[in-house]
Amino acid sequence: MGYNLSVSPSRRPKLGQHFLSSEGYRRRIVNSLALRPEDLVIEVGPGRGAMTELLAERAGRVVAVELDAGLASDLLRKLEHQPGVEVIQGDILATDVKEICRKRGAKSCFVFGNLPYYITSPIIHHLMNSAGVIRGMALLVQREVAERLTAQPGTRDYGYLSVRVRVHSEPRIAMGVPPGAFSPPPKVHSALVEFAMKPKFPAWTAQDLAAFLEFIQRCFAQKRKNLLNNLGQVFSKDRLRQTLDRLHLPPTARAEELTVEQFAELREKLKG
């Protein structure tokens, strides 16, 4: 077991964390993950370590990244005799997930996390940037966020976050988790979202990906407006109409109607 003390005091006491206290749901979740003995599991926000022990029973190794210094210290003492478990006290947003996998020679990496509600989207965005080394992820999030993550084109919840995760994965809601499964119980329902990672889409550089995500954000800038209006400050309306027509899309098309592939094709044709 290892311990690395590296980051500033925790924000958690001020903003709250809900620990998964139900043993039944903990076991249901671990059983759903299909972990392999060769997996290195990176656990985001292990808290008191209730899931850490179960993950270690299934995977070859667990690296638990905990922001709260007190919780990390308690976790170290609790699991010091647990083989294959390492505790890193640090902020996942400042942690290089690729480097964790590389330094430990892991051939297969999986991410699990019970994410604090207040910082869910930034963590997911950060983890997606390491998609090339992660074979899968399972994240406990607020039910409302889960519905946005898994929303299909043309639905009310489909937006930037839906497109962002589909660049590198196929997300699905694996199960709902009620407030009573947590301590303290939150005021909202939660859900476990599983992400099956797919080959890099397409073979973009980091700069290409950043430019694509900026393009998507612009497309969704004002969700009630169509693409002609949202992109009209960057491209001429005539050019936009012609490009949409070439893609067999109406001039009234909105961002919420396009798939990831259509966004990529639209951007490529507008670049040309």
Protein backbone atom coordinates (compact mmCIF):
# COMPACT_ATOMS: atom_id res chain seq x y z
CA MET A 1 0.00 0.00 0.00
CA GLY A 2 1.20 3.53 -0.72
CA TYR A 3 0.36 7.00 0.50
CA ASN A 4 1.04 10.28 -1.24
CA LEU A 5 0.29 13.60 0.49
CA SER A 6 0.20 16.28 -2.15
CA VAL A 7 -2.73 18.69 -2.34
CA SER A 8 -4.38 21.53 -0.46
CA PRO A 9 -7.05 21.16 2.25
CA SER A 10 -10.35 19.63 1.22
CA ARG A 11 -13.40 21.51 0.00
CA ARG A 12 -15.60 18.62 1.00
CA PRO A 13 -16.52 19.64 4.56
CA LYS A 14 -17.92 22.93 3.24
CA LEU A 15 -19.76 21.52 0.25
CA GLY A 16 -20.75 18.05 1.43
CA GLN A 17 -20.22 14.46 0.42
CA HIS A 18 -22.73 11.63 0.57
CA PHE A 19 -21.17 8.27 1.43
CA LEU A 20 -22.66 5.08 -0.01
CA SER A 21 -23.67 3.36 3.23
CA SER A 22 -25.97 0.60 1.94
CA GLU A 23 -24.07 -2.69 1.79
CA GLY A 24 -26.70 -4.07 -0.55
CA TYR A 25 -26.19 -1.30 -3.11
CA ARG A 26 -22.41 -1.42 -2.71
CA ARG A 27 -22.38 -5.10 -3.63
CA ARG A 28 -24.90 -4.63 -6.44
CA ILE A 29 -22.71 -1.93 -7.94
CA VAL A 30 -19.46 -3.90 -7.70
CA ASN A 31 -21.15 -6.97 -9.17
CA SER A 32 -22.34 -4.89 -12.13
CA LEU A 33 -18.86 -3.63 -13.05
CA ALA A 34 -17.46 -6.86 -14.56
CA LEU A 35 -14.01 -6.10 -13.20
CA ARG A 36 -11.07 -8.24 -14.26
CA PRO A 37 -8.13 -9.50 -12.18
CA GLU A 38 -5.76 -7.58 -14.45
CA ASP A 39 -7.61 -4.27 -13.94
CA LEU A 40 -6.11 -1.33 -12.13
CA VAL A 41 -9.09 0.53 -10.69
CA ILE A 42 -8.76 4.25 -10.03
CA GLU A 43 -11.34 5.16 -7.40
CA VAL A 44 -12.34 8.82 -7.29
CA GLY A 45 -13.39 10.01 -3.83
CA PRO A 46 -13.23 6.76 -1.81
CA GLY A 47 -14.34 8.54 1.37
CA ARG A 48 -14.32 5.98 4.18
CA GLY A 49 -13.27 3.13 1.90
CA ALA A 50 -16.44 1.02 1.90
CA MET A 51 -16.26 0.55 -1.87
CA THR A 52 -12.45 0.39 -1.92
CA GLU A 53 -12.37 -2.97 -0.17
CA LEU A 54 -14.98 -4.48 -2.48
CA LEU A 55 -13.19 -3.17 -5.56
CA ALA A 56 -9.91 -4.66 -4.32
CA GLU A 57 -11.57 -8.08 -4.01
CA ARG A 58 -12.34 -8.07 -7.75
CA ALA A 59 -9.52 -6.11 -9.38
CA GLY A 60 -5.78 -6.63 -9.38
CA ARG A 61 -5.07 -3.24 -7.85
CA VAL A 62 -6.90 -0.14 -6.60
CA VAL A 63 -5.53 3.41 -6.52
CA ALA A 64 -7.88 5.52 -4.38
CA VAL A 65 -7.65 9.29 -4.93
CA GLU A 66 -9.11 11.19 -1.97
CA LEU A 67 -9.12 14.99 -1.67
CA ASP A 68 -9.84 15.19 2.06
CA ALA A 69 -6.60 14.82 4.03
CA GLY A 70 -8.38 13.49 7.12
CA LEU A 71 -10.33 10.87 5.19
CA ALA A 72 -7.21 9.85 3.27
CA SER A 73 -5.28 9.41 6.52
CA ASP A 74 -8.10 7.33 8.03
CA LEU A 75 -8.30 5.26 4.87
CA LEU A 76 -4.58 4.57 4.97
CA ARG A 77 -4.84 3.21 8.51
CA LYS A 78 -7.95 1.19 7.70
CA LEU A 79 -6.47 -0.45 4.61
CA GLU A 80 -2.79 -0.64 5.50
CA HIS A 81 -2.91 -4.45 5.53
CA GLN A 82 -5.10 -4.69 2.40
CA PRO A 83 -2.92 -5.92 -0.47
CA GLY A 84 -3.07 -4.13 -3.80
CA VAL A 85 -4.50 -0.86 -2.47
CA GLU A 86 -2.79 2.53 -2.74
CA VAL A 87 -4.13 5.80 -1.32
CA ILE A 88 -3.27 9.13 -2.93
CA GLN A 89 -4.35 12.26 -1.08
CA GLY A 90 -5.02 14.74 -3.85
CA ASP A 91 -7.46 16.43 -6.17
CA ILE A 92 -8.54 14.23 -9.08
CA LEU A 93 -8.71 17.37 -11.24
CA ALA A 94 -4.97 17.84 -10.68
CA THR A 95 -4.19 14.13 -11.07
CA ASP A 96 -2.82 12.70 -14.31
CA VAL A 97 -4.84 9.51 -14.74
CA LYS A 98 -2.72 8.40 -17.68
CA GLU A 99 0.41 8.75 -15.55
CA ILE A 100 -1.10 6.67 -12.74
CA CYS A 101 -1.70 3.84 -15.19
CA ARG A 102 1.65 4.20 -16.94
CA LYS A 103 3.78 4.31 -13.78
CA ARG A 104 2.16 1.15 -12.47
CA GLY A 105 2.51 -0.71 -15.75
CA ALA A 106 -1.23 -1.30 -15.95
CA LYS A 107 -2.49 -2.87 -19.16
CA SER A 108 -6.14 -2.37 -18.24
CA CYS A 109 -7.50 0.63 -16.30
CA PHE A 110 -11.01 1.21 -14.98
CA VAL A 111 -12.39 4.25 -13.14
CA PHE A 112 -15.02 4.17 -10.42
CA GLY A 113 -16.26 7.15 -8.46
CA ASN A 114 -19.00 8.43 -6.18
CA LEU A 115 -18.76 12.01 -7.39
CA PRO A 116 -19.59 15.10 -5.32
CA TYR A 117 -22.59 16.76 -6.98
CA TYR A 118 -21.04 20.22 -7.03
CA ILE A 119 -18.13 19.22 -9.26
CA THR A 120 -19.46 16.32 -11.34
CA SER A 121 -19.11 17.87 -14.82
CA PRO A 122 -15.48 19.06 -14.44
CA ILE A 123 -14.44 15.62 -13.15
CA ILE A 124 -16.13 13.82 -16.04
CA HIS A 125 -14.53 16.19 -18.54
CA HIS A 126 -11.11 15.58 -16.93
CA LEU A 127 -11.54 11.80 -16.97
CA MET A 128 -12.63 11.83 -20.61
CA ASN A 129 -9.30 13.45 -21.48
CA SER A 130 -7.68 10.18 -20.35
CA ALA A 131 -9.99 8.02 -22.45
CA GLY A 132 -7.12 6.47 -24.39
CA VAL A 133 -5.90 4.47 -21.38
CA ILE A 134 -9.25 3.73 -19.70
CA ARG A 135 -11.29 0.71 -20.83
CA GLY A 136 -14.37 1.71 -18.87
CA MET A 137 -15.83 3.91 -16.15
CA ALA A 138 -18.71 3.73 -13.69
CA LEU A 139 -19.72 6.91 -11.88
CA LEU A 140 -22.37 7.59 -9.25
CA VAL A 141 -23.97 10.93 -10.06
CA GLN A 142 -27.16 12.87 -9.47
CA ARG A 143 -30.04 11.32 -11.43
CA GLU A 144 -30.63 14.55 -13.35
CA VAL A 145 -26.99 14.57 -14.50
CA ALA A 146 -27.22 10.89 -15.45
CA GLU A 147 -30.16 11.69 -17.72
CA ARG A 148 -28.17 14.47 -19.40
CA LEU A 149 -25.15 12.22 -19.86
CA THR A 150 -27.18 9.49 -21.53
CA ALA A 151 -29.68 11.67 -23.43
CA GLN A 152 -30.23 10.94 -27.11
CA PRO A 153 -30.28 13.56 -29.91
CA GLY A 154 -33.64 15.26 -30.23
CA THR A 155 -34.53 14.93 -26.55
CA ARG A 156 -34.91 17.70 -23.98
CA ASP A 157 -31.88 16.67 -21.91
CA TYR A 158 -29.48 16.37 -24.85
CA GLY A 159 -26.76 19.02 -24.65
CA TYR A 160 -23.05 19.72 -24.54
CA LEU A 161 -22.35 17.16 -21.80
CA SER A 162 -24.19 14.45 -23.77
CA VAL A 163 -22.00 15.11 -26.80
CA ARG A 164 -18.82 15.45 -24.73
CA VAL A 165 -19.02 11.96 -23.27
CA ARG A 166 -20.03 10.38 -26.58
CA VAL A 167 -16.80 11.52 -28.23
CA HIS A 168 -15.02 8.76 -26.30
CA SER A 169 -17.71 6.50 -24.86
CA GLU A 170 -21.15 4.95 -24.96
CA PRO A 171 -22.88 5.85 -21.67
CA ARG A 172 -25.84 4.08 -20.09
CA ILE A 173 -27.68 4.23 -16.79
CA ALA A 174 -26.95 0.91 -15.07
CA MET A 175 -29.17 1.44 -12.01
CA GLY A 176 -30.86 4.03 -9.88
CA VAL A 177 -29.74 4.57 -6.29
CA PRO A 178 -32.20 6.08 -3.76
CA PRO A 179 -31.28 8.75 -1.19
CA GLY A 180 -31.57 6.22 1.64
CA ALA A 181 -28.55 4.31 0.32
CA PHE A 182 -26.30 7.23 1.32
CA SER A 183 -25.19 8.78 4.57
CA PRO A 184 -26.22 11.50 4.98
CA PRO A 185 -29.06 10.98 2.49
CA PRO A 186 -29.10 13.60 -0.29
CA LYS A 187 -32.27 15.43 -1.27
CA VAL A 188 -32.16 13.94 -4.78
CA HIS A 189 -31.95 10.50 -6.36
CA SER A 190 -28.70 9.22 -7.82
CA ALA A 191 -27.80 6.83 -10.62
CA LEU A 192 -24.83 4.71 -11.64
CA VAL A 193 -23.71 5.60 -15.16
CA GLU A 194 -21.45 3.14 -16.96
CA PHE A 195 -19.24 4.32 -19.81
CA ALA A 196 -18.00 1.80 -22.37
CA MET A 197 -14.98 3.53 -23.84
CA LYS A 198 -14.59 3.42 -27.61
CA PRO A 199 -11.60 4.01 -29.90
CA LYS A 200 -10.57 7.64 -30.07
CA PHE A 201 -13.08 9.47 -32.24
CA PRO A 202 -11.68 10.29 -34.62
CA ALA A 203 -7.85 10.19 -34.53
CA TRP A 204 -7.58 13.75 -33.21
CA THR A 205 -4.72 15.48 -31.48
CA ALA A 206 -5.35 17.19 -28.15
CA GLN A 207 -5.59 20.49 -30.05
CA ASP A 208 -8.16 19.02 -32.46
CA LEU A 209 -10.25 17.77 -29.56
CA ALA A 210 -10.12 21.14 -27.78
CA ALA A 211 -11.19 22.92 -30.98
CA PHE A 212 -14.03 20.45 -31.51
CA LEU A 213 -15.31 20.89 -27.96
CA GLU A 214 -15.18 24.66 -28.34
CA PHE A 215 -17.20 24.30 -31.54
CA ILE A 216 -19.79 22.16 -29.72
CA GLN A 217 -20.08 24.72 -26.94
CA ARG A 218 -20.73 27.42 -29.52
CA CYS A 219 -23.38 25.27 -31.20
CA PHE A 220 -25.19 24.92 -27.85
CA ALA A 221 -24.55 28.53 -26.77
CA GLN A 222 -28.26 29.37 -26.86
CA LYS A 223 -30.14 26.10 -26.94
CA ARG A 224 -33.41 27.55 -28.21
CA LYS A 225 -31.71 29.11 -31.23
CA ASN A 226 -30.78 27.19 -34.35
CA LEU A 227 -27.27 26.58 -35.66
CA LEU A 228 -27.51 29.47 -38.12
CA ASN A 229 -27.88 31.87 -35.21
CA ASN A 230 -25.40 30.24 -32.83
CA LEU A 231 -22.68 29.94 -35.48
CA GLY A 232 -23.59 33.11 -37.36
CA GLN A 233 -20.96 35.20 -35.58
CA VAL A 234 -18.19 32.92 -36.86
CA PHE A 235 -19.42 31.87 -40.30
CA SER A 236 -21.59 33.64 -42.86
CA LYS A 237 -25.23 32.60 -42.96
CA ASP A 238 -24.93 31.68 -46.67
CA ARG A 239 -22.01 29.38 -45.99
CA LEU A 240 -23.84 27.79 -43.08
CA ARG A 241 -26.97 27.20 -45.17
CA GLN A 242 -24.92 25.61 -47.97
CA THR A 243 -23.03 23.38 -45.55
CA LEU A 244 -26.16 22.26 -43.76
CA ASP A 245 -27.76 21.48 -47.11
CA ARG A 246 -24.75 19.36 -48.13
CA LEU A 247 -25.23 17.38 -44.92
CA HIS A 248 -28.96 17.00 -45.66
CA LEU A 249 -29.84 19.12 -42.64
CA PRO A 250 -32.53 21.84 -42.74
CA PRO A 251 -31.55 25.50 -42.23
CA THR A 252 -33.60 25.42 -39.02
CA ALA A 253 -31.50 22.59 -37.51
CA ARG A 254 -30.67 22.95 -33.82
CA ALA A 255 -27.67 21.57 -31.97
CA GLU A 256 -29.85 19.24 -29.92
CA GLU A 257 -30.79 17.36 -33.11
CA LEU A 258 -27.26 16.39 -34.23
CA THR A 259 -25.25 13.28 -33.40
CA VAL A 260 -21.56 13.42 -32.50
CA GLU A 261 -20.71 12.25 -36.00
CA GLN A 262 -22.82 15.01 -37.57
CA PHE A 263 -21.12 17.64 -35.41
CA ALA A 264 -17.72 16.36 -36.51
CA GLU A 265 -18.74 16.37 -40.17
CA LEU A 266 -20.25 19.86 -39.90
CA ARG A 267 -17.08 21.25 -38.36
CA GLU A 268 -14.84 19.61 -40.97
CA LYS A 269 -16.88 21.01 -43.86
CA LEU A 270 -16.98 24.49 -42.34
CA LYS A 271 -13.19 24.37 -41.93
CA GLY A 272 -12.68 23.49 -45.59
